[in-house]
Amino acid sequence: MSDRGLLFLFSIFMIVVSLGAAAYLLATGQALTIDGLFTVLVALLTAVVFALYIMFVIHRAMEPAKPPAKPAAQA
């Protein structure tokens, strides 16, 4: 597997884990404290950062390939 594929899968994993952590904190009521609130915000921010990376990777993959460079003219 290529390094980009591995990073893509790792990003998906991190998004799921971050959203799961935020949901757990909300479900157990721990998000109602100041510490819990900041932990939820960090988890959601982590999910957003990895989601932005995935969006960048997808948009980059959808770009048309650049044509090969022309060889230099010889004198």
C-alpha atoms as a PDB file:
ATOM      1  CA  MET A   1       0.000   0.000   0.000  1.00  0.00           C
ATOM      2  CA  SER A   2       1.279   3.462  -0.829  1.00  0.00           C
ATOM      3  CA  ASP A   3       2.045   6.019   1.828  1.00  0.00           C
ATOM      4  CA  ARG A   4      -0.841   8.197   0.640  1.00  0.00           C
ATOM      5  CA  GLY A   5      -3.262   5.307   0.972  1.00  0.00           C
ATOM      6  CA  LEU A   6      -2.025   4.596   4.481  1.00  0.00           C
ATOM      7  CA  LEU A   7      -2.355   8.265   5.460  1.00  0.00           C
ATOM      8  CA  PHE A   8      -5.874   8.328   4.010  1.00  0.00           C
ATOM      9  CA  LEU A   9      -6.911   5.301   6.090  1.00  0.00           C
ATOM     10  CA  PHE A  10      -5.231   6.752   9.186  1.00  0.00           C
ATOM     11  CA  SER A  11      -7.146  10.002   8.664  1.00  0.00           C
ATOM     12  CA  ILE A  12     -10.447   8.143   8.428  1.00  0.00           C
ATOM     13  CA  PHE A  13      -9.536   6.253  11.615  1.00  0.00           C
ATOM     14  CA  MET A  14      -8.687   9.482  13.455  1.00  0.00           C
ATOM     15  CA  ILE A  15     -11.941  11.131  12.398  1.00  0.00           C
ATOM     16  CA  VAL A  16     -13.974   8.172  13.649  1.00  0.00           C
ATOM     17  CA  VAL A  17     -12.060   8.008  16.945  1.00  0.00           C
ATOM     18  CA  SER A  18     -12.333  11.762  17.520  1.00  0.00           C
ATOM     19  CA  LEU A  19     -16.048  11.843  16.843  1.00  0.00           C
ATOM     20  CA  GLY A  20     -16.490   8.756  19.017  1.00  0.00           C
ATOM     21  CA  ALA A  21     -14.627  10.408  21.886  1.00  0.00           C
ATOM     22  CA  ALA A  22     -16.761  13.538  21.599  1.00  0.00           C
ATOM     23  CA  ALA A  23     -19.948  11.444  21.501  1.00  0.00           C
ATOM     24  CA  TYR A  24     -18.801   9.441  24.533  1.00  0.00           C
ATOM     25  CA  LEU A  25     -18.105  12.600  26.513  1.00  0.00           C
ATOM     26  CA  LEU A  26     -21.505  14.000  25.614  1.00  0.00           C
ATOM     27  CA  ALA A  27     -23.332  10.736  26.353  1.00  0.00           C
ATOM     28  CA  THR A  28     -21.745  10.288  29.781  1.00  0.00           C
ATOM     29  CA  GLY A  29     -22.266  13.903  30.799  1.00  0.00           C
ATOM     30  CA  GLN A  30     -18.564  14.595  31.205  1.00  0.00           C
ATOM     31  CA  ALA A  31     -18.811  17.356  28.615  1.00  0.00           C
ATOM     32  CA  LEU A  32     -20.721  19.501  31.098  1.00  0.00           C
ATOM     33  CA  THR A  33     -17.567  20.411  33.009  1.00  0.00           C
ATOM     34  CA  ILE A  34     -14.979  22.910  31.834  1.00  0.00           C
ATOM     35  CA  ASP A  35     -12.377  20.171  31.354  1.00  0.00           C
ATOM     36  CA  GLY A  36     -14.872  18.055  29.446  1.00  0.00           C
ATOM     37  CA  LEU A  37     -15.869  20.976  27.262  1.00  0.00           C
ATOM     38  CA  PHE A  38     -12.277  21.609  26.248  1.00  0.00           C
ATOM     39  CA  THR A  39     -11.754  17.895  25.638  1.00  0.00           C
ATOM     40  CA  VAL A  40     -14.800  17.832  23.348  1.00  0.00           C
ATOM     41  CA  LEU A  41     -13.508  20.884  21.505  1.00  0.00           C
ATOM     42  CA  VAL A  42     -10.085  19.294  21.028  1.00  0.00           C
ATOM     43  CA  ALA A  43     -11.668  16.071  19.762  1.00  0.00           C
ATOM     44  CA  LEU A  44     -13.873  17.951  17.295  1.00  0.00           C
ATOM     45  CA  LEU A  45     -10.971  20.133  16.145  1.00  0.00           C
ATOM     46  CA  THR A  46      -8.883  17.015  15.539  1.00  0.00           C
ATOM     47  CA  ALA A  47     -11.695  15.555  13.436  1.00  0.00           C
ATOM     48  CA  VAL A  48     -11.947  18.790  11.423  1.00  0.00           C
ATOM     49  CA  VAL A  49      -8.199  18.913  10.751  1.00  0.00           C
ATOM     50  CA  PHE A  50      -8.121  15.344   9.451  1.00  0.00           C
ATOM     51  CA  ALA A  51     -11.298  15.956   7.424  1.00  0.00           C
ATOM     52  CA  LEU A  52      -9.644  18.951   5.763  1.00  0.00           C
ATOM     53  CA  TYR A  53      -6.659  16.756   4.901  1.00  0.00           C
ATOM     54  CA  ILE A  54      -8.957  14.162   3.330  1.00  0.00           C
ATOM     55  CA  MET A  55     -10.726  16.872   1.326  1.00  0.00           C
ATOM     56  CA  PHE A  56      -7.329  18.106   0.083  1.00  0.00           C
ATOM     57  CA  VAL A  57      -6.292  14.580  -0.913  1.00  0.00           C
ATOM     58  CA  ILE A  58      -9.554  13.942  -2.757  1.00  0.00           C
ATOM     59  CA  HIS A  59      -9.414  17.253  -4.633  1.00  0.00           C
ATOM     60  CA  ARG A  60      -5.771  16.643  -5.489  1.00  0.00           C
ATOM     61  CA  ALA A  61      -6.598  13.193  -6.857  1.00  0.00           C
ATOM     62  CA  MET A  62      -9.390  14.613  -9.024  1.00  0.00           C
ATOM     63  CA  GLU A  63      -7.117  17.128 -10.769  1.00  0.00           C
ATOM     64  CA  PRO A  64      -6.164  16.199 -14.323  1.00  0.00           C
ATOM     65  CA  ALA A  65      -2.633  14.961 -14.738  1.00  0.00           C
ATOM     66  CA  LYS A  66      -0.144  17.525 -16.002  1.00  0.00           C
ATOM     67  CA  PRO A  67       1.397  16.777 -19.391  1.00  0.00           C
ATOM     68  CA  PRO A  68       5.059  15.786 -19.317  1.00  0.00           C
ATOM     69  CA  ALA A  69       7.570  18.591 -19.692  1.00  0.00           C
ATOM     70  CA  LYS A  70       8.971  19.189 -23.151  1.00  0.00           C
ATOM     71  CA  PRO A  71      12.656  18.374 -23.590  1.00  0.00           C
ATOM     72  CA  ALA A  72      15.001  21.342 -23.902  1.00  0.00           C
ATOM     73  CA  ALA A  73      15.808  22.440 -27.441  1.00  0.00           C
ATOM     74  CA  GLN A  74      19.371  21.727 -28.501  1.00  0.00           C
ATOM     75  CA  ALA A  75      21.362  24.392 -30.345  1.00  0.00           C
END
